[in-house]
Amino acid sequence: MITNISRRLTTGALAIAGSVAAFGFAGTAQAAQLNSNIGYIPIGDVSYTGANLAGATSVTFPVTNFVNTNQPLYLGLANDFFSGPLAVAIMSAVTLTPLTFDLTAPDGVAGGGAFTVTFTTASGLATFTATSFTTATATSNTLDLYINGTTTGNGFDPSPTSLLVNLNQVGGPGGVVNASTTFASPPTTTNVPEPSTILGILAVAGIGAFARRKS
């Protein structure tokens, strides 16, 4: 009798443990990293310190920034920020903290802290936190700022993310600085061939094709 009771208790405990484990696994399976792509722009003047954008040591954005692009697909899959529980509305506000990105600090903020960008989704706030950045300057009037980091929030796991900030000064120093930013998670790559490299590749390919035709 005692043996039967012991077996039943053991079986019941195993069943409960299995149910708890299955429930925990199901809860974990529901969370996933973002697949998101969205764009935002500032309303107001963008300024910088330095002789020109090529030599800028910091960039300051206005208080008001808003979402201006949001496509249904990213990397061939549904864009999490386009619709559903993580939807981000066009014209919704984007919060930058601080407003100045310091190019002398690894994470955009000198003396501690980090540069953050926050969106409002249908499930709450989603916040990108910068960890590193690189720059690429085409001319003294343009600057591409690639910021890497992690996005956290409700309804998804912490996700590696990149911000591509395009800055363009019309007419050189003293002119208006236009800015646009693309949020991408998973991050976009910065290894994009320069136009001259692309032309070189096409030229080599053309020579190869011509040689094959002659043979």
N, C-alpha and C. Protein backbone atom coordinates (compact mmCIF):
# COMPACT_ATOMS: atom_id res chain seq x y z
N MET A 1 0.84 -1.21 0.00
CA MET A 1 0.00 0.00 0.00
C MET A 1 0.88 1.26 0.00
N ILE A 2 1.87 1.23 0.92
CA ILE A 2 2.79 2.39 0.99
C ILE A 2 3.54 2.55 -0.31
N THR A 3 3.91 1.40 -0.90
CA THR A 3 4.63 1.45 -2.19
C THR A 3 3.77 2.08 -3.27
N ASN A 4 2.48 1.73 -3.32
CA ASN A 4 1.57 2.30 -4.33
C ASN A 4 1.42 3.80 -4.14
N ILE A 5 1.25 4.24 -2.87
CA ILE A 5 1.11 5.68 -2.60
C ILE A 5 2.38 6.42 -3.02
N SER A 6 3.52 5.80 -2.70
CA SER A 6 4.80 6.42 -3.09
C SER A 6 4.91 6.54 -4.59
N ARG A 7 4.48 5.51 -5.31
CA ARG A 7 4.53 5.56 -6.78
C ARG A 7 3.62 6.66 -7.32
N ARG A 8 2.42 6.77 -6.72
CA ARG A 8 1.47 7.80 -7.20
C ARG A 8 2.01 9.21 -6.94
N LEU A 9 2.61 9.39 -5.75
CA LEU A 9 3.17 10.70 -5.44
C LEU A 9 4.30 11.04 -6.40
N THR A 10 5.15 10.03 -6.67
CA THR A 10 6.26 10.25 -7.60
C THR A 10 5.76 10.59 -8.99
N THR A 11 4.74 9.81 -9.44
CA THR A 11 4.17 10.05 -10.78
C THR A 11 3.55 11.44 -10.85
N GLY A 12 2.82 11.82 -9.79
CA GLY A 12 2.18 13.14 -9.76
C GLY A 12 3.21 14.26 -9.78
N ALA A 13 4.29 14.08 -9.00
CA ALA A 13 5.34 15.10 -8.96
C ALA A 13 6.01 15.26 -10.32
N LEU A 14 6.26 14.13 -10.99
CA LEU A 14 6.87 14.18 -12.31
C LEU A 14 5.96 14.86 -13.31
N ALA A 15 4.65 14.59 -13.21
CA ALA A 15 3.69 15.21 -14.12
C ALA A 15 3.64 16.72 -13.92
N ILE A 16 3.63 17.14 -12.64
CA ILE A 16 3.60 18.57 -12.34
C ILE A 16 4.88 19.24 -12.84
N ALA A 17 6.03 18.58 -12.57
CA ALA A 17 7.31 19.13 -13.03
C ALA A 17 7.35 19.25 -14.55
N GLY A 18 6.82 18.22 -15.22
CA GLY A 18 6.78 18.26 -16.69
C GLY A 18 5.90 19.37 -17.19
N SER A 19 4.76 19.59 -16.52
CA SER A 19 3.85 20.65 -16.93
C SER A 19 4.50 22.02 -16.74
N VAL A 20 5.17 22.21 -15.59
CA VAL A 20 5.84 23.47 -15.32
C VAL A 20 6.94 23.73 -16.35
N ALA A 21 7.71 22.67 -16.64
CA ALA A 21 8.79 22.82 -17.63
C ALA A 21 8.23 23.15 -19.00
N ALA A 22 7.15 22.48 -19.38
CA ALA A 22 6.54 22.74 -20.69
C ALA A 22 6.00 24.15 -20.76
N PHE A 23 5.40 24.60 -19.65
CA PHE A 23 4.85 25.96 -19.62
C PHE A 23 5.98 26.98 -19.74
N GLY A 24 7.08 26.71 -18.98
CA GLY A 24 8.23 27.62 -19.04
C GLY A 24 8.83 27.65 -20.42
N PHE A 25 8.93 26.49 -21.08
CA PHE A 25 9.48 26.43 -22.43
C PHE A 25 8.61 27.19 -23.40
N ALA A 26 7.29 27.03 -23.25
CA ALA A 26 6.36 27.73 -24.15
C ALA A 26 6.49 29.23 -23.97
N GLY A 27 6.64 29.67 -22.70
CA GLY A 27 6.80 31.10 -22.46
C GLY A 27 8.08 31.63 -23.08
N THR A 28 9.15 30.82 -22.96
CA THR A 28 10.43 31.23 -23.54
C THR A 28 10.35 31.26 -25.06
N ALA A 29 9.65 30.29 -25.64
CA ALA A 29 9.57 30.20 -27.10
C ALA A 29 8.85 31.39 -27.70
N GLN A 30 7.95 32.01 -26.92
CA GLN A 30 7.19 33.13 -27.46
C GLN A 30 8.06 34.36 -27.65
N ALA A 31 9.12 34.50 -26.83
CA ALA A 31 10.01 35.65 -26.95
C ALA A 31 11.04 35.38 -28.05
N ALA A 32 11.39 36.41 -28.77
CA ALA A 32 12.38 36.27 -29.84
C ALA A 32 13.02 37.62 -30.09
N GLN A 33 14.15 37.61 -30.75
CA GLN A 33 14.81 38.86 -31.09
C GLN A 33 14.06 39.57 -32.21
N LEU A 34 14.25 40.86 -32.27
CA LEU A 34 13.54 41.68 -33.25
C LEU A 34 13.97 41.37 -34.67
N ASN A 35 13.02 41.55 -35.59
CA ASN A 35 13.31 41.68 -37.01
C ASN A 35 12.60 42.97 -37.44
N SER A 36 13.32 44.07 -37.35
CA SER A 36 12.67 45.38 -37.48
C SER A 36 13.53 46.36 -38.25
N ASN A 37 12.85 47.23 -38.99
CA ASN A 37 13.50 48.28 -39.75
C ASN A 37 12.57 49.48 -39.78
N ILE A 38 13.09 50.63 -39.39
CA ILE A 38 12.24 51.82 -39.28
C ILE A 38 13.13 53.05 -39.45
N GLY A 39 12.55 54.15 -39.92
CA GLY A 39 13.32 55.37 -40.10
C GLY A 39 12.74 56.52 -39.32
N TYR A 40 13.60 57.45 -38.90
CA TYR A 40 13.11 58.66 -38.23
C TYR A 40 13.95 59.86 -38.62
N ILE A 41 13.35 61.04 -38.50
CA ILE A 41 14.02 62.29 -38.86
C ILE A 41 13.76 63.34 -37.79
N PRO A 42 14.63 64.35 -37.70
CA PRO A 42 14.42 65.43 -36.74
C PRO A 42 13.57 66.55 -37.32
N ILE A 43 12.91 67.28 -36.45
CA ILE A 43 12.23 68.52 -36.84
C ILE A 43 12.96 69.65 -36.13
N GLY A 44 13.69 70.44 -36.89
CA GLY A 44 14.49 71.49 -36.30
C GLY A 44 15.93 71.38 -36.76
N ASP A 45 16.76 72.25 -36.23
CA ASP A 45 18.14 72.35 -36.67
C ASP A 45 19.02 71.27 -36.03
N VAL A 46 19.88 70.67 -36.87
CA VAL A 46 20.94 69.78 -36.40
C VAL A 46 22.23 70.59 -36.42
N SER A 47 23.02 70.51 -35.36
CA SER A 47 24.27 71.27 -35.31
C SER A 47 25.43 70.34 -34.95
N TYR A 48 26.63 70.82 -35.10
CA TYR A 48 27.80 70.02 -34.77
C TYR A 48 28.92 70.93 -34.31
N THR A 49 29.90 70.35 -33.62
CA THR A 49 31.11 71.09 -33.26
C THR A 49 32.23 70.64 -34.17
N GLY A 50 33.03 71.62 -34.65
CA GLY A 50 34.11 71.30 -35.58
C GLY A 50 34.06 72.21 -36.77
N ALA A 51 35.15 72.20 -37.55
CA ALA A 51 35.22 73.07 -38.73
C ALA A 51 34.23 72.67 -39.80
N ASN A 52 33.98 71.36 -39.94
CA ASN A 52 33.02 70.84 -40.91
C ASN A 52 32.61 69.45 -40.44
N LEU A 53 31.71 68.81 -41.18
CA LEU A 53 31.22 67.49 -40.77
C LEU A 53 32.34 66.46 -40.74
N ALA A 54 33.31 66.61 -41.63
CA ALA A 54 34.42 65.66 -41.67
C ALA A 54 35.21 65.68 -40.37
N GLY A 55 35.30 66.83 -39.74
CA GLY A 55 36.07 66.95 -38.51
C GLY A 55 35.21 67.14 -37.27
N ALA A 56 33.93 66.79 -37.35
CA ALA A 56 33.03 66.99 -36.22
C ALA A 56 33.43 66.14 -35.02
N THR A 57 33.33 66.72 -33.83
CA THR A 57 33.59 65.97 -32.60
C THR A 57 32.29 65.64 -31.86
N SER A 58 31.21 66.29 -32.23
CA SER A 58 29.89 65.96 -31.67
C SER A 58 28.81 66.45 -32.60
N VAL A 59 27.65 65.82 -32.51
CA VAL A 59 26.48 66.21 -33.30
C VAL A 59 25.30 66.37 -32.35
N THR A 60 24.58 67.48 -32.45
CA THR A 60 23.44 67.73 -31.57
C THR A 60 22.15 67.76 -32.38
N PHE A 61 21.18 66.96 -31.94
CA PHE A 61 19.89 66.85 -32.62
C PHE A 61 18.84 67.67 -31.88
N PRO A 62 17.78 68.11 -32.57
CA PRO A 62 16.70 68.84 -31.90
C PRO A 62 15.88 67.93 -31.00
N VAL A 63 15.06 68.52 -30.16
CA VAL A 63 14.23 67.75 -29.23
C VAL A 63 13.20 66.91 -29.96
N THR A 64 12.64 67.45 -31.03
CA THR A 64 11.55 66.77 -31.73
C THR A 64 12.08 65.89 -32.86
N ASN A 65 11.80 64.60 -32.77
CA ASN A 65 12.13 63.62 -33.81
C ASN A 65 10.92 62.71 -33.97
N PHE A 66 10.65 62.26 -35.20
CA PHE A 66 9.48 61.41 -35.39
C PHE A 66 9.73 60.35 -36.47
N VAL A 67 8.97 59.26 -36.37
CA VAL A 67 9.07 58.15 -37.31
C VAL A 67 8.51 58.58 -38.66
N ASN A 68 9.27 58.35 -39.73
CA ASN A 68 8.78 58.75 -41.06
C ASN A 68 8.75 57.61 -42.07
N THR A 69 9.39 56.47 -41.77
CA THR A 69 9.31 55.32 -42.67
C THR A 69 9.13 54.04 -41.86
N ASN A 70 8.29 53.15 -42.38
CA ASN A 70 8.02 51.87 -41.71
C ASN A 70 7.44 50.92 -42.75
N GLN A 71 8.25 49.99 -43.23
CA GLN A 71 7.85 49.09 -44.31
C GLN A 71 7.38 47.75 -43.74
N PRO A 72 6.52 47.02 -44.47
CA PRO A 72 5.98 45.75 -43.96
C PRO A 72 7.01 44.64 -43.83
N LEU A 73 8.09 44.67 -44.64
CA LEU A 73 9.07 43.59 -44.63
C LEU A 73 10.47 44.11 -44.33
N TYR A 74 11.28 43.26 -43.68
CA TYR A 74 12.69 43.52 -43.48
C TYR A 74 13.43 42.20 -43.61
N LEU A 75 14.44 42.17 -44.45
CA LEU A 75 15.20 40.95 -44.74
C LEU A 75 14.29 39.82 -45.23
N GLY A 76 13.24 40.20 -45.96
CA GLY A 76 12.32 39.22 -46.53
C GLY A 76 11.31 38.65 -45.55
N LEU A 77 11.31 39.15 -44.30
CA LEU A 77 10.38 38.67 -43.27
C LEU A 77 9.54 39.84 -42.76
N ALA A 78 8.47 39.51 -42.01
CA ALA A 78 7.59 40.54 -41.47
C ALA A 78 8.39 41.48 -40.56
N ASN A 79 8.18 42.77 -40.76
CA ASN A 79 8.80 43.80 -39.93
C ASN A 79 8.00 43.89 -38.62
N ASP A 80 8.63 43.55 -37.49
CA ASP A 80 7.93 43.53 -36.21
C ASP A 80 7.34 44.89 -35.84
N PHE A 81 7.98 45.98 -36.30
CA PHE A 81 7.51 47.32 -35.96
C PHE A 81 6.41 47.82 -36.90
N PHE A 82 6.06 47.02 -37.91
CA PHE A 82 5.06 47.48 -38.88
C PHE A 82 3.63 47.29 -38.38
N SER A 83 3.33 46.14 -37.79
CA SER A 83 1.97 45.86 -37.31
C SER A 83 2.04 44.86 -36.17
N GLY A 84 0.89 44.62 -35.52
CA GLY A 84 0.84 43.63 -34.46
C GLY A 84 1.22 44.22 -33.11
N PRO A 85 1.64 43.36 -32.17
CA PRO A 85 1.88 43.81 -30.78
C PRO A 85 3.06 44.76 -30.62
N LEU A 86 3.93 44.83 -31.64
CA LEU A 86 5.09 45.73 -31.55
C LEU A 86 5.01 46.88 -32.56
N ALA A 87 3.82 47.14 -33.07
CA ALA A 87 3.66 48.17 -34.11
C ALA A 87 4.10 49.54 -33.61
N VAL A 88 4.78 50.27 -34.50
CA VAL A 88 5.20 51.65 -34.24
C VAL A 88 4.53 52.54 -35.27
N ALA A 89 3.81 53.55 -34.83
CA ALA A 89 3.02 54.38 -35.73
C ALA A 89 3.88 55.42 -36.45
N ILE A 90 3.57 55.63 -37.72
CA ILE A 90 4.17 56.73 -38.47
C ILE A 90 3.81 58.05 -37.77
N MET A 91 4.75 58.96 -37.68
CA MET A 91 4.62 60.26 -37.03
C MET A 91 4.65 60.17 -35.51
N SER A 92 4.91 58.98 -34.96
CA SER A 92 5.05 58.89 -33.51
C SER A 92 6.40 59.46 -33.08
N ALA A 93 6.46 59.92 -31.85
CA ALA A 93 7.66 60.60 -31.36
C ALA A 93 8.80 59.62 -31.08
N VAL A 94 10.01 60.09 -31.31
CA VAL A 94 11.23 59.34 -31.00
C VAL A 94 12.04 60.19 -30.02
N THR A 95 12.47 59.57 -28.93
CA THR A 95 13.18 60.30 -27.88
C THR A 95 14.67 59.97 -27.89
N LEU A 96 15.51 60.99 -28.03
CA LEU A 96 16.96 60.82 -28.01
C LEU A 96 17.50 61.33 -26.67
N THR A 97 18.35 60.53 -26.01
CA THR A 97 18.92 60.93 -24.73
C THR A 97 20.40 60.53 -24.69
N PRO A 98 21.30 61.51 -24.51
CA PRO A 98 21.07 62.95 -24.61
C PRO A 98 20.89 63.36 -26.07
N LEU A 99 20.63 64.62 -26.29
CA LEU A 99 20.44 65.08 -27.67
C LEU A 99 21.77 65.19 -28.42
N THR A 100 22.87 65.29 -27.69
CA THR A 100 24.19 65.40 -28.31
C THR A 100 24.89 64.05 -28.34
N PHE A 101 25.31 63.62 -29.52
CA PHE A 101 26.12 62.41 -29.66
C PHE A 101 27.57 62.84 -29.71
N ASP A 102 28.35 62.39 -28.74
CA ASP A 102 29.75 62.77 -28.61
C ASP A 102 30.63 61.78 -29.36
N LEU A 103 31.27 62.24 -30.43
CA LEU A 103 32.09 61.34 -31.24
C LEU A 103 33.44 61.05 -30.61
N THR A 104 33.72 61.62 -29.45
CA THR A 104 34.96 61.31 -28.75
C THR A 104 34.76 60.20 -27.72
N ALA A 105 33.53 59.74 -27.53
CA ALA A 105 33.23 58.69 -26.55
C ALA A 105 32.76 57.43 -27.28
N PRO A 106 33.17 56.25 -26.84
CA PRO A 106 32.81 55.00 -27.54
C PRO A 106 31.32 54.77 -27.69
N ASP A 107 30.52 55.19 -26.69
CA ASP A 107 29.08 54.97 -26.73
C ASP A 107 28.29 56.25 -26.94
N GLY A 108 28.98 57.31 -27.35
CA GLY A 108 28.31 58.57 -27.66
C GLY A 108 28.10 59.52 -26.51
N VAL A 109 28.50 59.12 -25.30
CA VAL A 109 28.33 59.98 -24.12
C VAL A 109 29.63 59.99 -23.33
N ALA A 110 30.24 61.15 -23.19
CA ALA A 110 31.47 61.26 -22.42
C ALA A 110 31.16 61.29 -20.93
N GLY A 111 32.01 60.64 -20.14
CA GLY A 111 31.87 60.70 -18.69
C GLY A 111 30.84 59.77 -18.11
N GLY A 112 30.43 58.74 -18.84
CA GLY A 112 29.48 57.77 -18.30
C GLY A 112 28.13 57.85 -18.97
N GLY A 113 27.39 56.75 -18.88
CA GLY A 113 26.10 56.68 -19.54
C GLY A 113 26.26 56.22 -20.97
N ALA A 114 25.19 56.31 -21.75
CA ALA A 114 25.24 55.90 -23.16
C ALA A 114 24.14 56.62 -23.92
N PHE A 115 24.34 56.79 -25.21
CA PHE A 115 23.35 57.40 -26.08
C PHE A 115 22.19 56.42 -26.29
N THR A 116 20.96 56.87 -26.10
CA THR A 116 19.79 56.00 -26.27
C THR A 116 18.76 56.64 -27.20
N VAL A 117 18.00 55.76 -27.87
CA VAL A 117 16.90 56.19 -28.74
C VAL A 117 15.69 55.33 -28.38
N THR A 118 14.56 55.97 -28.07
CA THR A 118 13.39 55.24 -27.59
C THR A 118 12.19 55.46 -28.51
N PHE A 119 11.54 54.34 -28.89
CA PHE A 119 10.32 54.34 -29.70
C PHE A 119 9.16 53.88 -28.82
N THR A 120 7.94 54.22 -29.24
CA THR A 120 6.74 53.72 -28.57
C THR A 120 6.09 52.66 -29.44
N THR A 121 6.02 51.42 -28.94
CA THR A 121 5.36 50.33 -29.66
C THR A 121 4.00 50.07 -29.03
N ALA A 122 3.22 49.21 -29.66
CA ALA A 122 1.90 48.86 -29.12
C ALA A 122 2.01 48.15 -27.78
N SER A 123 3.20 47.60 -27.47
CA SER A 123 3.39 46.88 -26.20
C SER A 123 4.18 47.68 -25.18
N GLY A 124 4.51 48.93 -25.50
CA GLY A 124 5.30 49.74 -24.58
C GLY A 124 6.52 50.32 -25.27
N LEU A 125 7.49 50.71 -24.47
CA LEU A 125 8.68 51.37 -25.01
C LEU A 125 9.72 50.37 -25.47
N ALA A 126 10.41 50.71 -26.56
CA ALA A 126 11.55 49.95 -27.05
C ALA A 126 12.73 50.91 -27.09
N THR A 127 13.81 50.57 -26.38
CA THR A 127 14.93 51.50 -26.25
C THR A 127 16.22 50.90 -26.80
N PHE A 128 16.82 51.63 -27.74
CA PHE A 128 18.14 51.29 -28.28
C PHE A 128 19.20 51.95 -27.42
N THR A 129 20.21 51.19 -27.01
CA THR A 129 21.33 51.73 -26.23
C THR A 129 22.62 51.50 -26.98
N ALA A 130 23.33 52.57 -27.28
CA ALA A 130 24.56 52.49 -28.07
C ALA A 130 25.69 51.87 -27.27
N THR A 131 26.53 51.10 -27.98
CA THR A 131 27.73 50.53 -27.37
C THR A 131 29.00 50.92 -28.13
N SER A 132 28.88 51.21 -29.42
CA SER A 132 30.05 51.59 -30.22
C SER A 132 29.58 52.26 -31.50
N PHE A 133 30.52 52.87 -32.23
CA PHE A 133 30.16 53.49 -33.50
C PHE A 133 31.38 53.59 -34.40
N THR A 134 31.11 53.75 -35.69
CA THR A 134 32.14 54.07 -36.67
C THR A 134 31.60 55.17 -37.56
N THR A 135 32.49 55.86 -38.27
CA THR A 135 32.06 56.93 -39.17
C THR A 135 32.66 56.72 -40.55
N ALA A 136 31.97 57.27 -41.55
CA ALA A 136 32.47 57.26 -42.92
C ALA A 136 32.11 58.60 -43.54
N THR A 137 33.10 59.34 -43.97
CA THR A 137 32.87 60.66 -44.52
C THR A 137 33.18 60.68 -46.01
N ALA A 138 32.20 61.08 -46.83
CA ALA A 138 32.40 61.18 -48.27
C ALA A 138 33.07 62.51 -48.63
N THR A 139 32.56 63.59 -48.05
CA THR A 139 33.12 64.93 -48.27
C THR A 139 33.04 65.68 -46.95
N SER A 140 33.51 66.91 -46.95
CA SER A 140 33.43 67.72 -45.74
C SER A 140 32.00 68.10 -45.40
N ASN A 141 31.08 67.87 -46.35
CA ASN A 141 29.67 68.25 -46.13
C ASN A 141 28.78 67.07 -45.80
N THR A 142 29.33 65.86 -45.74
CA THR A 142 28.51 64.68 -45.45
C THR A 142 29.19 63.80 -44.42
N LEU A 143 28.38 63.15 -43.62
CA LEU A 143 28.90 62.24 -42.60
C LEU A 143 27.90 61.12 -42.39
N ASP A 144 28.36 59.87 -42.49
CA ASP A 144 27.54 58.71 -42.16
C ASP A 144 28.03 58.16 -40.83
N LEU A 145 27.12 58.07 -39.89
CA LEU A 145 27.45 57.62 -38.55
C LEU A 145 26.78 56.27 -38.32
N TYR A 146 27.57 55.21 -38.14
CA TYR A 146 27.05 53.86 -37.89
C TYR A 146 27.16 53.57 -36.40
N ILE A 147 26.01 53.47 -35.73
CA ILE A 147 26.00 53.25 -34.28
C ILE A 147 25.49 51.85 -34.00
N ASN A 148 26.26 51.06 -33.27
CA ASN A 148 25.85 49.72 -32.90
C ASN A 148 25.42 49.67 -31.44
N GLY A 149 24.51 48.75 -31.12
CA GLY A 149 24.05 48.63 -29.76
C GLY A 149 23.02 47.54 -29.60
N THR A 150 22.19 47.65 -28.56
CA THR A 150 21.18 46.64 -28.24
C THR A 150 19.85 47.33 -27.96
N THR A 151 18.77 46.71 -28.44
CA THR A 151 17.42 47.23 -28.17
C THR A 151 16.71 46.32 -27.18
N THR A 152 16.11 46.92 -26.17
CA THR A 152 15.35 46.18 -25.16
C THR A 152 13.94 46.74 -25.06
N GLY A 153 13.00 45.93 -24.54
CA GLY A 153 11.63 46.38 -24.39
C GLY A 153 10.69 45.24 -24.11
N ASN A 154 9.40 45.52 -24.10
CA ASN A 154 8.37 44.51 -23.84
C ASN A 154 8.06 43.72 -25.11
N GLY A 155 7.95 42.40 -24.97
CA GLY A 155 7.50 41.55 -26.06
C GLY A 155 8.59 40.98 -26.94
N PHE A 156 9.86 41.22 -26.61
CA PHE A 156 10.95 40.65 -27.40
C PHE A 156 12.21 40.56 -26.53
N ASP A 157 13.13 39.70 -26.98
CA ASP A 157 14.40 39.55 -26.28
C ASP A 157 15.33 40.71 -26.64
N PRO A 158 16.31 41.03 -25.78
CA PRO A 158 17.32 42.03 -26.15
C PRO A 158 17.92 41.69 -27.51
N SER A 159 17.94 42.68 -28.41
CA SER A 159 18.28 42.42 -29.81
C SER A 159 19.41 43.32 -30.31
N PRO A 160 20.45 42.73 -30.94
CA PRO A 160 21.50 43.54 -31.56
C PRO A 160 20.90 44.46 -32.63
N THR A 161 21.34 45.71 -32.64
CA THR A 161 20.72 46.71 -33.50
C THR A 161 21.76 47.70 -34.00
N SER A 162 21.48 48.30 -35.16
CA SER A 162 22.33 49.38 -35.66
C SER A 162 21.47 50.58 -36.02
N LEU A 163 22.07 51.75 -35.87
CA LEU A 163 21.48 52.99 -36.38
C LEU A 163 22.43 53.53 -37.45
N LEU A 164 21.88 53.84 -38.60
CA LEU A 164 22.66 54.51 -39.65
C LEU A 164 22.16 55.95 -39.73
N VAL A 165 22.99 56.89 -39.31
CA VAL A 165 22.63 58.31 -39.30
C VAL A 165 23.32 58.98 -40.48
N ASN A 166 22.53 59.49 -41.42
CA ASN A 166 23.06 60.20 -42.59
C ASN A 166 22.94 61.70 -42.36
N LEU A 167 24.06 62.39 -42.41
CA LEU A 167 24.10 63.84 -42.22
C LEU A 167 24.62 64.50 -43.48
N ASN A 168 23.96 65.56 -43.90
CA ASN A 168 24.35 66.27 -45.11
C ASN A 168 24.17 67.77 -44.89
N GLN A 169 25.23 68.53 -45.13
CA GLN A 169 25.16 69.98 -44.95
C GLN A 169 25.09 70.66 -46.32
N VAL A 170 24.00 71.34 -46.55
CA VAL A 170 23.77 72.00 -47.84
C VAL A 170 24.64 73.26 -47.92
N GLY A 171 25.51 73.31 -48.91
CA GLY A 171 26.31 74.51 -49.12
C GLY A 171 27.53 74.62 -48.23
N GLY A 172 27.88 73.58 -47.49
CA GLY A 172 29.08 73.61 -46.66
C GLY A 172 28.87 74.27 -45.32
N PRO A 173 29.95 74.49 -44.56
CA PRO A 173 29.86 75.07 -43.22
C PRO A 173 29.00 76.33 -43.18
N GLY A 174 28.10 76.36 -42.22
CA GLY A 174 27.16 77.47 -42.11
C GLY A 174 25.82 77.16 -42.72
N GLY A 175 25.75 76.12 -43.55
CA GLY A 175 24.49 75.74 -44.17
C GLY A 175 23.66 74.83 -43.28
N VAL A 176 22.45 74.58 -43.72
CA VAL A 176 21.53 73.72 -42.97
C VAL A 176 22.01 72.27 -43.02
N VAL A 177 21.95 71.56 -41.90
CA VAL A 177 22.34 70.16 -41.84
C VAL A 177 21.08 69.30 -41.84
N ASN A 178 20.93 68.50 -42.90
CA ASN A 178 19.82 67.55 -42.97
C ASN A 178 20.25 66.23 -42.34
N ALA A 179 19.30 65.55 -41.69
CA ALA A 179 19.62 64.28 -41.04
C ALA A 179 18.49 63.28 -41.22
N SER A 180 18.85 62.01 -41.37
CA SER A 180 17.86 60.93 -41.37
C SER A 180 18.53 59.72 -40.75
N THR A 181 17.75 58.92 -40.04
CA THR A 181 18.31 57.76 -39.34
C THR A 181 17.50 56.52 -39.64
N THR A 182 18.19 55.41 -39.88
CA THR A 182 17.55 54.11 -40.10
C THR A 182 17.91 53.17 -38.96
N PHE A 183 16.87 52.68 -38.29
CA PHE A 183 17.01 51.68 -37.22
C PHE A 183 16.89 50.31 -37.86
N ALA A 184 17.83 49.39 -37.55
CA ALA A 184 17.78 48.06 -38.14
C ALA A 184 18.18 47.01 -37.11
N SER A 185 17.32 46.01 -36.94
CA SER A 185 17.61 44.89 -36.04
C SER A 185 17.08 43.61 -36.68
N PRO A 186 17.97 42.67 -37.09
CA PRO A 186 19.41 42.62 -36.93
C PRO A 186 20.12 43.80 -37.61
N PRO A 187 21.34 44.09 -37.16
CA PRO A 187 22.06 45.25 -37.69
C PRO A 187 22.35 45.14 -39.18
N THR A 188 22.40 46.29 -39.83
CA THR A 188 22.86 46.33 -41.22
C THR A 188 24.39 46.29 -41.21
N THR A 189 24.96 45.88 -42.31
CA THR A 189 26.42 45.85 -42.41
C THR A 189 26.93 47.17 -42.94
N THR A 190 28.11 47.56 -42.49
CA THR A 190 28.72 48.80 -43.00
C THR A 190 29.70 48.51 -44.11
N ASN A 191 29.86 47.23 -44.46
CA ASN A 191 30.82 46.85 -45.50
C ASN A 191 30.20 46.98 -46.89
N VAL A 192 29.80 48.19 -47.24
CA VAL A 192 29.22 48.45 -48.55
C VAL A 192 30.30 48.95 -49.49
N PRO A 193 30.52 48.33 -50.65
CA PRO A 193 31.58 48.79 -51.55
C PRO A 193 31.36 50.23 -52.00
N GLU A 194 32.45 50.98 -52.10
CA GLU A 194 32.38 52.33 -52.65
C GLU A 194 32.00 52.25 -54.12
N PRO A 195 31.39 53.33 -54.68
CA PRO A 195 31.00 53.31 -56.10
C PRO A 195 32.15 52.96 -57.02
N SER A 196 33.38 53.46 -56.72
CA SER A 196 34.52 53.16 -57.57
C SER A 196 34.85 51.68 -57.54
N THR A 197 34.67 51.04 -56.36
CA THR A 197 34.92 49.61 -56.24
C THR A 197 33.91 48.82 -57.06
N ILE A 198 32.65 49.25 -57.00
CA ILE A 198 31.60 48.57 -57.77
C ILE A 198 31.89 48.65 -59.26
N LEU A 199 32.33 49.85 -59.72
CA LEU A 199 32.65 50.01 -61.14
C LEU A 199 33.82 49.12 -61.52
N GLY A 200 34.79 48.98 -60.61
CA GLY A 200 35.93 48.11 -60.88
C GLY A 200 35.52 46.67 -61.02
N ILE A 201 34.62 46.23 -60.14
CA ILE A 201 34.12 44.85 -60.21
C ILE A 201 33.40 44.61 -61.53
N LEU A 202 32.55 45.58 -61.92
CA LEU A 202 31.81 45.44 -63.17
C LEU A 202 32.77 45.40 -64.36
N ALA A 203 33.82 46.22 -64.29
CA ALA A 203 34.78 46.25 -65.40
C ALA A 203 35.49 44.92 -65.54
N VAL A 204 35.93 44.36 -64.40
CA VAL A 204 36.60 43.06 -64.43
C VAL A 204 35.66 41.99 -64.96
N ALA A 205 34.40 42.03 -64.51
CA ALA A 205 33.42 41.05 -64.98
C ALA A 205 33.21 41.18 -66.48
N GLY A 206 33.18 42.43 -66.97
CA GLY A 206 32.99 42.65 -68.40
C GLY A 206 34.15 42.12 -69.22
N ILE A 207 35.39 42.32 -68.70
CA ILE A 207 36.57 41.81 -69.41
C ILE A 207 36.53 40.29 -69.48
N GLY A 208 36.13 39.68 -68.36
CA GLY A 208 36.05 38.22 -68.32
C GLY A 208 35.03 37.67 -69.31
N ALA A 209 33.89 38.35 -69.39
CA ALA A 209 32.83 37.91 -70.30
C ALA A 209 33.30 38.05 -71.75
N PHE A 210 34.00 39.18 -72.04
CA PHE A 210 34.49 39.41 -73.40
C PHE A 210 35.50 38.35 -73.80
N ALA A 211 36.39 37.97 -72.85
CA ALA A 211 37.40 36.96 -73.13
C ALA A 211 36.73 35.62 -73.40
N ARG A 212 35.69 35.29 -72.66
CA ARG A 212 34.99 34.01 -72.88
C ARG A 212 34.34 33.99 -74.24
N ARG A 213 33.77 35.13 -74.64
CA ARG A 213 33.11 35.17 -75.96
C ARG A 213 34.13 34.98 -77.09
N LYS A 214 35.33 35.57 -76.96
CA LYS A 214 36.35 35.43 -78.00
C LYS A 214 36.85 34.00 -78.11
N SER A 215 36.92 33.30 -76.97
CA SER A 215 37.38 31.92 -77.00
C SER A 215 36.28 30.99 -77.46
